[in-house]
């Protein structure tokens, strides 16, 4: 398994779209904080809100990285070669999802730490232990949402055997299509990109699902799509 994880890590960082997504998940939130016009003396609520808003902007980058990582196997017809080096499809699938999770967590931690450093120097306030614990608690839930979003995108890539299709589905939803659909259909709040909206807000917004319900709904999407993708990956012929 260790050799498979090392191989998958190399495959991730050797593909441009994956690297672009990982770097974008760090740079975009950082640029948002650096360019945001906020008072230099901020309250705890304002600082935490800025941090969460910045991390929300990392969604598109996570989608691109996840779609690129799994989609490259199909877009470059590399899956047959990959299966020759790792015949066990279940082991290969597990190593890919584990590797994707590790990269998303690492990327999220780097993005969060850099963002907090920027906020520390931007705002003149005392960072108490209680506030730091609250910040890291909120960030942990956000990173869990990032992981689940990466799994959903990866599963769609396997189901559609494509790099483009999951991006075409998930990226518009993350960039505002889900909000547009929600203005017409209330059931749109159960979409994976909209279910966790309250994770990125300090005060709960009643029109959206609460934090834990939102994570549960998003996890339901993960379970459903992973089951379908795992079954297809295990039994579908490879050209």
C-alpha atoms as a PDB file:
ATOM      1  CA  UNK A   1       0.000   0.000   0.000  1.00  0.00           C
ATOM      2  CA  UNK A   2       2.872   2.375   0.816  1.00  0.00           C
ATOM      3  CA  UNK A   3       4.376   1.867  -2.655  1.00  0.00           C
ATOM      4  CA  UNK A   4       0.958   2.480  -4.222  1.00  0.00           C
ATOM      5  CA  UNK A   5       0.531   5.703  -2.243  1.00  0.00           C
ATOM      6  CA  UNK A   6       3.979   6.934  -3.305  1.00  0.00           C
ATOM      7  CA  UNK A   7       3.171   6.135  -6.923  1.00  0.00           C
ATOM      8  CA  UNK A   8      -0.150   7.955  -6.726  1.00  0.00           C
ATOM      9  CA  UNK A   9       1.469  10.974  -5.091  1.00  0.00           C
ATOM     10  CA  UNK A  10       3.944  11.181  -7.962  1.00  0.00           C
ATOM     11  CA  UNK A  11       1.106  10.845 -10.458  1.00  0.00           C
ATOM     12  CA  UNK A  12      -0.810  13.686  -8.790  1.00  0.00           C
ATOM     13  CA  UNK A  13       2.075  16.152  -8.740  1.00  0.00           C
ATOM     14  CA  UNK A  14       3.167  15.300 -12.277  1.00  0.00           C
ATOM     15  CA  UNK A  15      -0.163  16.390 -13.775  1.00  0.00           C
ATOM     16  CA  UNK A  16      -0.659  20.093 -14.399  1.00  0.00           C
ATOM     17  CA  UNK A  17      -4.370  20.336 -13.563  1.00  0.00           C
ATOM     18  CA  UNK A  18      -3.822  18.628 -10.212  1.00  0.00           C
ATOM     19  CA  UNK A  19      -0.988  20.972  -9.285  1.00  0.00           C
ATOM     20  CA  UNK A  20      -3.000  23.971 -10.502  1.00  0.00           C
ATOM     21  CA  UNK A  21      -5.922  22.941  -8.300  1.00  0.00           C
ATOM     22  CA  UNK A  22      -3.776  22.348  -5.217  1.00  0.00           C
ATOM     23  CA  UNK A  23      -1.923  25.647  -5.630  1.00  0.00           C
ATOM     24  CA  UNK A  24      -5.180  27.469  -6.379  1.00  0.00           C
ATOM     25  CA  UNK A  25      -6.733  26.190  -3.148  1.00  0.00           C
ATOM     26  CA  UNK A  26      -3.874  27.925  -1.311  1.00  0.00           C
ATOM     27  CA  UNK A  27      -3.420  31.063  -3.398  1.00  0.00           C
ATOM     28  CA  UNK A  28      -7.042  32.093  -4.022  1.00  0.00           C
ATOM     29  CA  UNK A  29      -8.061  32.294  -0.318  1.00  0.00           C
ATOM     30  CA  UNK A  30      -4.784  34.071   0.434  1.00  0.00           C
ATOM     31  CA  UNK A  31      -5.342  36.661  -2.300  1.00  0.00           C
ATOM     32  CA  UNK A  32      -8.867  37.245  -1.028  1.00  0.00           C
ATOM     33  CA  UNK A  33      -7.570  38.051   2.451  1.00  0.00           C
ATOM     34  CA  UNK A  34      -4.739  40.222   1.143  1.00  0.00           C
ATOM     35  CA  UNK A  35      -7.073  42.294  -1.041  1.00  0.00           C
ATOM     36  CA  UNK A  36     -10.110  42.451   1.254  1.00  0.00           C
ATOM     37  CA  UNK A  37     -10.882  45.974   2.445  1.00  0.00           C
ATOM     38  CA  UNK A  38     -11.573  45.485   6.140  1.00  0.00           C
ATOM     39  CA  UNK A  39     -10.880  47.629   9.214  1.00  0.00           C
ATOM     40  CA  UNK A  40      -7.479  47.023  10.775  1.00  0.00           C
ATOM     41  CA  UNK A  41      -9.093  46.620  14.176  1.00  0.00           C
ATOM     42  CA  UNK A  42     -11.444  43.665  13.876  1.00  0.00           C
ATOM     43  CA  UNK A  43     -13.586  41.703  16.268  1.00  0.00           C
ATOM     44  CA  UNK A  44     -13.267  37.952  16.691  1.00  0.00           C
ATOM     45  CA  UNK A  45     -16.465  37.355  14.719  1.00  0.00           C
ATOM     46  CA  UNK A  46     -15.242  39.414  11.770  1.00  0.00           C
ATOM     47  CA  UNK A  47     -11.862  37.683  11.643  1.00  0.00           C
ATOM     48  CA  UNK A  48     -13.348  34.200  11.796  1.00  0.00           C
ATOM     49  CA  UNK A  49     -15.895  35.162   9.151  1.00  0.00           C
ATOM     50  CA  UNK A  50     -13.127  36.364   6.826  1.00  0.00           C
ATOM     51  CA  UNK A  51     -11.199  33.142   7.344  1.00  0.00           C
ATOM     52  CA  UNK A  52     -14.222  30.976   6.513  1.00  0.00           C
ATOM     53  CA  UNK A  53     -15.152  33.097   3.479  1.00  0.00           C
ATOM     54  CA  UNK A  54     -11.619  32.723   2.161  1.00  0.00           C
ATOM     55  CA  UNK A  55     -11.709  28.941   2.543  1.00  0.00           C
ATOM     56  CA  UNK A  56     -15.046  28.817   0.717  1.00  0.00           C
ATOM     57  CA  UNK A  57     -13.260  30.224  -2.335  1.00  0.00           C
ATOM     58  CA  UNK A  58     -11.065  27.124  -2.360  1.00  0.00           C
ATOM     59  CA  UNK A  59     -13.958  24.925  -3.553  1.00  0.00           C
ATOM     60  CA  UNK A  60     -13.378  25.401  -7.314  1.00  0.00           C
ATOM     61  CA  UNK A  61      -9.687  24.567  -6.957  1.00  0.00           C
ATOM     62  CA  UNK A  62     -10.445  21.371  -5.016  1.00  0.00           C
ATOM     63  CA  UNK A  63     -12.892  20.342  -7.749  1.00  0.00           C
ATOM     64  CA  UNK A  64     -10.296  20.910 -10.485  1.00  0.00           C
ATOM     65  CA  UNK A  65      -7.599  18.988  -8.595  1.00  0.00           C
ATOM     66  CA  UNK A  66      -9.890  16.026  -7.853  1.00  0.00           C
ATOM     67  CA  UNK A  67     -11.263  15.811 -11.388  1.00  0.00           C
ATOM     68  CA  UNK A  68      -7.767  16.069 -12.837  1.00  0.00           C
ATOM     69  CA  UNK A  69      -6.354  13.393 -10.548  1.00  0.00           C
ATOM     70  CA  UNK A  70      -8.915  10.734 -11.437  1.00  0.00           C
ATOM     71  CA  UNK A  71      -9.774  12.004 -14.906  1.00  0.00           C
ATOM     72  CA  UNK A  72      -6.204  11.773 -16.206  1.00  0.00           C
ATOM     73  CA  UNK A  73      -6.502   7.984 -16.109  1.00  0.00           C
ATOM     74  CA  UNK A  74      -9.226   8.226 -18.754  1.00  0.00           C
ATOM     75  CA  UNK A  75      -8.226  11.319 -20.728  1.00  0.00           C
ATOM     76  CA  UNK A  76      -4.721   9.924 -21.311  1.00  0.00           C
ATOM     77  CA  UNK A  77      -5.850   6.273 -21.582  1.00  0.00           C
ATOM     78  CA  UNK A  78      -3.466   5.439 -18.756  1.00  0.00           C
ATOM     79  CA  UNK A  79      -5.772   3.223 -16.710  1.00  0.00           C
ATOM     80  CA  UNK A  80      -4.725   0.004 -18.466  1.00  0.00           C
ATOM     81  CA  UNK A  81      -1.073   0.714 -17.674  1.00  0.00           C
ATOM     82  CA  UNK A  82      -1.973   1.634 -14.099  1.00  0.00           C
ATOM     83  CA  UNK A  83      -3.807  -1.666 -13.644  1.00  0.00           C
ATOM     84  CA  UNK A  84      -0.818  -3.569 -14.995  1.00  0.00           C
ATOM     85  CA  UNK A  85       1.314  -2.126 -12.202  1.00  0.00           C
ATOM     86  CA  UNK A  86      -1.462  -2.566  -9.607  1.00  0.00           C
ATOM     87  CA  UNK A  87      -3.809  -5.427 -10.643  1.00  0.00           C
ATOM     88  CA  UNK A  88      -6.047  -5.158  -7.567  1.00  0.00           C
ATOM     89  CA  UNK A  89      -8.665  -2.595  -8.540  1.00  0.00           C
ATOM     90  CA  UNK A  90      -9.974  -2.239  -4.999  1.00  0.00           C
ATOM     91  CA  UNK A  91      -6.473  -1.584  -3.647  1.00  0.00           C
ATOM     92  CA  UNK A  92      -5.823   0.925  -6.428  1.00  0.00           C
ATOM     93  CA  UNK A  93      -9.090   2.735  -5.718  1.00  0.00           C
ATOM     94  CA  UNK A  94      -8.386   2.860  -1.977  1.00  0.00           C
ATOM     95  CA  UNK A  95      -4.867   4.192  -2.532  1.00  0.00           C
ATOM     96  CA  UNK A  96      -6.202   6.908  -4.832  1.00  0.00           C
ATOM     97  CA  UNK A  97      -8.853   8.086  -2.364  1.00  0.00           C
ATOM     98  CA  UNK A  98      -6.428   7.951   0.565  1.00  0.00           C
ATOM     99  CA  UNK A  99      -3.861   9.933  -1.396  1.00  0.00           C
ATOM    100  CA  UNK A 100      -6.492  12.467  -2.456  1.00  0.00           C
ATOM    101  CA  UNK A 101      -7.588  12.867   1.158  1.00  0.00           C
ATOM    102  CA  UNK A 102      -4.034  13.412   2.402  1.00  0.00           C
ATOM    103  CA  UNK A 103      -3.378  16.044  -0.260  1.00  0.00           C
ATOM    104  CA  UNK A 104      -6.651  17.876   0.430  1.00  0.00           C
ATOM    105  CA  UNK A 105      -5.981  17.920   4.187  1.00  0.00           C
ATOM    106  CA  UNK A 106      -2.404  19.139   3.681  1.00  0.00           C
ATOM    107  CA  UNK A 107      -3.546  21.799   1.205  1.00  0.00           C
ATOM    108  CA  UNK A 108      -6.300  22.934   3.548  1.00  0.00           C
ATOM    109  CA  UNK A 109      -3.924  23.178   6.507  1.00  0.00           C
ATOM    110  CA  UNK A 110      -1.407  25.231   4.503  1.00  0.00           C
ATOM    111  CA  UNK A 111      -4.158  27.501   3.185  1.00  0.00           C
ATOM    112  CA  UNK A 112      -5.630  27.968   6.676  1.00  0.00           C
ATOM    113  CA  UNK A 113      -2.294  28.658   8.370  1.00  0.00           C
ATOM    114  CA  UNK A 114      -1.248  31.202   5.746  1.00  0.00           C
ATOM    115  CA  UNK A 115      -4.654  32.855   5.985  1.00  0.00           C
ATOM    116  CA  UNK A 116      -4.450  33.070   9.773  1.00  0.00           C
ATOM    117  CA  UNK A 117      -0.961  34.571   9.545  1.00  0.00           C
ATOM    118  CA  UNK A 118      -2.270  37.261   7.190  1.00  0.00           C
ATOM    119  CA  UNK A 119      -5.225  37.961   9.488  1.00  0.00           C
ATOM    120  CA  UNK A 120      -2.905  38.120  12.504  1.00  0.00           C
ATOM    121  CA  UNK A 121      -0.838  40.874  10.920  1.00  0.00           C
ATOM    122  CA  UNK A 122      -3.835  42.673   9.413  1.00  0.00           C
ATOM    123  CA  UNK A 123      -5.937  43.006  12.563  1.00  0.00           C
ATOM    124  CA  UNK A 124      -4.942  44.556  15.835  1.00  0.00           C
ATOM    125  CA  UNK A 125      -6.535  42.301  18.428  1.00  0.00           C
ATOM    126  CA  UNK A 126      -5.571  39.809  21.090  1.00  0.00           C
ATOM    127  CA  UNK A 127      -5.723  36.214  19.893  1.00  0.00           C
ATOM    128  CA  UNK A 128      -6.888  34.344  22.974  1.00  0.00           C
ATOM    129  CA  UNK A 129      -6.635  30.594  23.431  1.00  0.00           C
ATOM    130  CA  UNK A 130     -10.420  30.268  23.354  1.00  0.00           C
ATOM    131  CA  UNK A 131     -10.634  32.105  20.040  1.00  0.00           C
ATOM    132  CA  UNK A 132      -7.861  29.998  18.473  1.00  0.00           C
ATOM    133  CA  UNK A 133      -9.626  26.795  19.537  1.00  0.00           C
ATOM    134  CA  UNK A 134     -12.851  28.110  18.006  1.00  0.00           C
ATOM    135  CA  UNK A 135     -11.052  28.987  14.773  1.00  0.00           C
ATOM    136  CA  UNK A 136      -9.462  25.567  14.431  1.00  0.00           C
ATOM    137  CA  UNK A 137     -12.768  23.875  15.269  1.00  0.00           C
ATOM    138  CA  UNK A 138     -14.492  25.749  12.452  1.00  0.00           C
ATOM    139  CA  UNK A 139     -11.617  25.099  10.047  1.00  0.00           C
ATOM    140  CA  UNK A 140     -11.688  21.368  10.833  1.00  0.00           C
ATOM    141  CA  UNK A 141     -15.324  21.157   9.730  1.00  0.00           C
ATOM    142  CA  UNK A 142     -14.506  23.119   6.578  1.00  0.00           C
ATOM    143  CA  UNK A 143     -11.680  20.713   5.738  1.00  0.00           C
ATOM    144  CA  UNK A 144     -14.062  17.798   6.233  1.00  0.00           C
ATOM    145  CA  UNK A 145     -16.370  19.443   3.705  1.00  0.00           C
ATOM    146  CA  UNK A 146     -13.405  19.895   1.329  1.00  0.00           C
ATOM    147  CA  UNK A 147     -12.611  16.182   1.593  1.00  0.00           C
ATOM    148  CA  UNK A 148     -16.182  15.162   0.903  1.00  0.00           C
ATOM    149  CA  UNK A 149     -16.381  17.519  -2.077  1.00  0.00           C
ATOM    150  CA  UNK A 150     -13.155  15.999  -3.436  1.00  0.00           C
ATOM    151  CA  UNK A 151     -14.595  12.492  -3.044  1.00  0.00           C
ATOM    152  CA  UNK A 152     -17.819  13.473  -4.820  1.00  0.00           C
ATOM    153  CA  UNK A 153     -15.901  14.986  -7.739  1.00  0.00           C
ATOM    154  CA  UNK A 154     -13.584  11.978  -7.907  1.00  0.00           C
ATOM    155  CA  UNK A 155     -16.530   9.574  -7.939  1.00  0.00           C
ATOM    156  CA  UNK A 156     -18.177  11.526 -10.762  1.00  0.00           C
ATOM    157  CA  UNK A 157     -14.934  11.330 -12.717  1.00  0.00           C
ATOM    158  CA  UNK A 158     -14.913   7.543 -12.373  1.00  0.00           C
ATOM    159  CA  UNK A 159     -18.604   7.225 -13.251  1.00  0.00           C
ATOM    160  CA  UNK A 160     -18.329   9.406 -16.353  1.00  0.00           C
ATOM    161  CA  UNK A 161     -14.798   8.182 -17.282  1.00  0.00           C
ATOM    162  CA  UNK A 162     -13.926  11.806 -17.887  1.00  0.00           C
ATOM    163  CA  UNK A 163     -11.949  14.772 -16.614  1.00  0.00           C
ATOM    164  CA  UNK A 164     -14.240  17.362 -18.167  1.00  0.00           C
ATOM    165  CA  UNK A 165     -17.645  16.020 -17.079  1.00  0.00           C
ATOM    166  CA  UNK A 166     -17.157  16.328 -13.275  1.00  0.00           C
ATOM    167  CA  UNK A 167     -15.726  19.821 -13.738  1.00  0.00           C
ATOM    168  CA  UNK A 168     -18.679  20.751 -15.950  1.00  0.00           C
ATOM    169  CA  UNK A 169     -21.076  19.458 -13.280  1.00  0.00           C
ATOM    170  CA  UNK A 170     -19.445  20.580 -10.034  1.00  0.00           C
ATOM    171  CA  UNK A 171     -17.684  23.823 -10.970  1.00  0.00           C
ATOM    172  CA  UNK A 172     -20.839  25.745 -12.003  1.00  0.00           C
ATOM    173  CA  UNK A 173     -22.565  24.526  -8.825  1.00  0.00           C
ATOM    174  CA  UNK A 174     -19.681  25.809  -6.699  1.00  0.00           C
ATOM    175  CA  UNK A 175     -19.543  29.129  -8.556  1.00  0.00           C
ATOM    176  CA  UNK A 176     -23.187  30.039  -8.068  1.00  0.00           C
ATOM    177  CA  UNK A 177     -25.462  27.756 -10.080  1.00  0.00           C
ATOM    178  CA  UNK A 178     -26.601  25.983  -6.911  1.00  0.00           C
ATOM    179  CA  UNK A 179     -27.688  29.348  -5.420  1.00  0.00           C
ATOM    180  CA  UNK A 180     -29.557  30.163  -8.616  1.00  0.00           C
ATOM    181  CA  UNK A 181     -31.342  26.810  -8.524  1.00  0.00           C
ATOM    182  CA  UNK A 182     -32.156  27.349  -4.850  1.00  0.00           C
ATOM    183  CA  UNK A 183     -33.978  30.588  -5.699  1.00  0.00           C
ATOM    184  CA  UNK A 184     -36.385  28.484  -7.798  1.00  0.00           C
ATOM    185  CA  UNK A 185     -36.380  25.111  -6.031  1.00  0.00           C
ATOM    186  CA  UNK A 186     -36.077  24.701  -2.257  1.00  0.00           C
ATOM    187  CA  UNK A 187     -34.803  21.148  -2.687  1.00  0.00           C
ATOM    188  CA  UNK A 188     -31.604  22.610  -4.160  1.00  0.00           C
ATOM    189  CA  UNK A 189     -30.370  23.155  -0.598  1.00  0.00           C
ATOM    190  CA  UNK A 190     -29.609  19.428  -0.571  1.00  0.00           C
ATOM    191  CA  UNK A 191     -27.069  19.793  -3.374  1.00  0.00           C
ATOM    192  CA  UNK A 192     -23.561  18.866  -2.158  1.00  0.00           C
ATOM    193  CA  UNK A 193     -22.194  22.355  -2.801  1.00  0.00           C
ATOM    194  CA  UNK A 194     -25.046  24.078  -0.973  1.00  0.00           C
ATOM    195  CA  UNK A 195     -25.705  21.682   1.896  1.00  0.00           C
ATOM    196  CA  UNK A 196     -22.706  22.904   3.909  1.00  0.00           C
ATOM    197  CA  UNK A 197     -23.162  26.645   3.416  1.00  0.00           C
ATOM    198  CA  UNK A 198     -23.568  27.245   7.147  1.00  0.00           C
ATOM    199  CA  UNK A 199     -20.042  25.935   7.731  1.00  0.00           C
ATOM    200  CA  UNK A 200     -18.793  29.141   6.110  1.00  0.00           C
ATOM    201  CA  UNK A 201     -20.994  31.474   8.112  1.00  0.00           C
ATOM    202  CA  UNK A 202     -20.698  32.577  11.747  1.00  0.00           C
ATOM    203  CA  UNK A 203     -24.396  33.078  12.302  1.00  0.00           C
ATOM    204  CA  UNK A 204     -26.591  30.234  11.112  1.00  0.00           C
ATOM    205  CA  UNK A 205     -28.583  31.110   7.994  1.00  0.00           C
ATOM    206  CA  UNK A 206     -32.003  29.573   8.457  1.00  0.00           C
ATOM    207  CA  UNK A 207     -32.721  29.032   4.762  1.00  0.00           C
ATOM    208  CA  UNK A 208     -29.819  26.558   4.575  1.00  0.00           C
ATOM    209  CA  UNK A 209     -29.281  23.295   6.429  1.00  0.00           C
ATOM    210  CA  UNK A 210     -27.523  23.551   9.780  1.00  0.00           C
ATOM    211  CA  UNK A 211     -23.865  22.550   9.961  1.00  0.00           C
ATOM    212  CA  UNK A 212     -24.245  18.944  11.023  1.00  0.00           C
ATOM    213  CA  UNK A 213     -27.277  18.242   8.831  1.00  0.00           C
ATOM    214  CA  UNK A 214     -25.400  19.762   5.904  1.00  0.00           C
ATOM    215  CA  UNK A 215     -22.361  17.560   6.500  1.00  0.00           C
ATOM    216  CA  UNK A 216     -24.649  14.530   6.808  1.00  0.00           C
ATOM    217  CA  UNK A 217     -26.360  15.332   3.500  1.00  0.00           C
ATOM    218  CA  UNK A 218     -23.025  15.857   1.779  1.00  0.00           C
ATOM    219  CA  UNK A 219     -21.783  12.570   3.262  1.00  0.00           C
ATOM    220  CA  UNK A 220     -24.887  10.856   1.867  1.00  0.00           C
ATOM    221  CA  UNK A 221     -23.882  12.080  -1.588  1.00  0.00           C
ATOM    222  CA  UNK A 222     -20.381  10.708  -0.940  1.00  0.00           C
ATOM    223  CA  UNK A 223     -21.677   7.258   0.058  1.00  0.00           C
ATOM    224  CA  UNK A 224     -24.078   7.025  -2.889  1.00  0.00           C
ATOM    225  CA  UNK A 225     -21.577   8.120  -5.539  1.00  0.00           C
ATOM    226  CA  UNK A 226     -18.698   6.134  -4.050  1.00  0.00           C
ATOM    227  CA  UNK A 227     -20.762   2.947  -4.078  1.00  0.00           C
ATOM    228  CA  UNK A 228     -21.692   3.459  -7.721  1.00  0.00           C
ATOM    229  CA  UNK A 229     -18.180   4.448  -8.789  1.00  0.00           C
ATOM    230  CA  UNK A 230     -16.534   1.594  -6.867  1.00  0.00           C
ATOM    231  CA  UNK A 231     -18.856  -0.954  -8.449  1.00  0.00           C
ATOM    232  CA  UNK A 232     -18.270   0.430 -11.946  1.00  0.00           C
ATOM    233  CA  UNK A 233     -14.507   0.645 -11.399  1.00  0.00           C
ATOM    234  CA  UNK A 234     -14.387  -2.965 -10.215  1.00  0.00           C
ATOM    235  CA  UNK A 235     -16.422  -4.548 -12.991  1.00  0.00           C
ATOM    236  CA  UNK A 236     -16.232  -2.224 -16.005  1.00  0.00           C
ATOM    237  CA  UNK A 237     -13.973  -3.270 -18.870  1.00  0.00           C
ATOM    238  CA  UNK A 238     -10.911  -1.154 -19.565  1.00  0.00           C
ATOM    239  CA  UNK A 239     -10.191  -0.175 -23.178  1.00  0.00           C
END
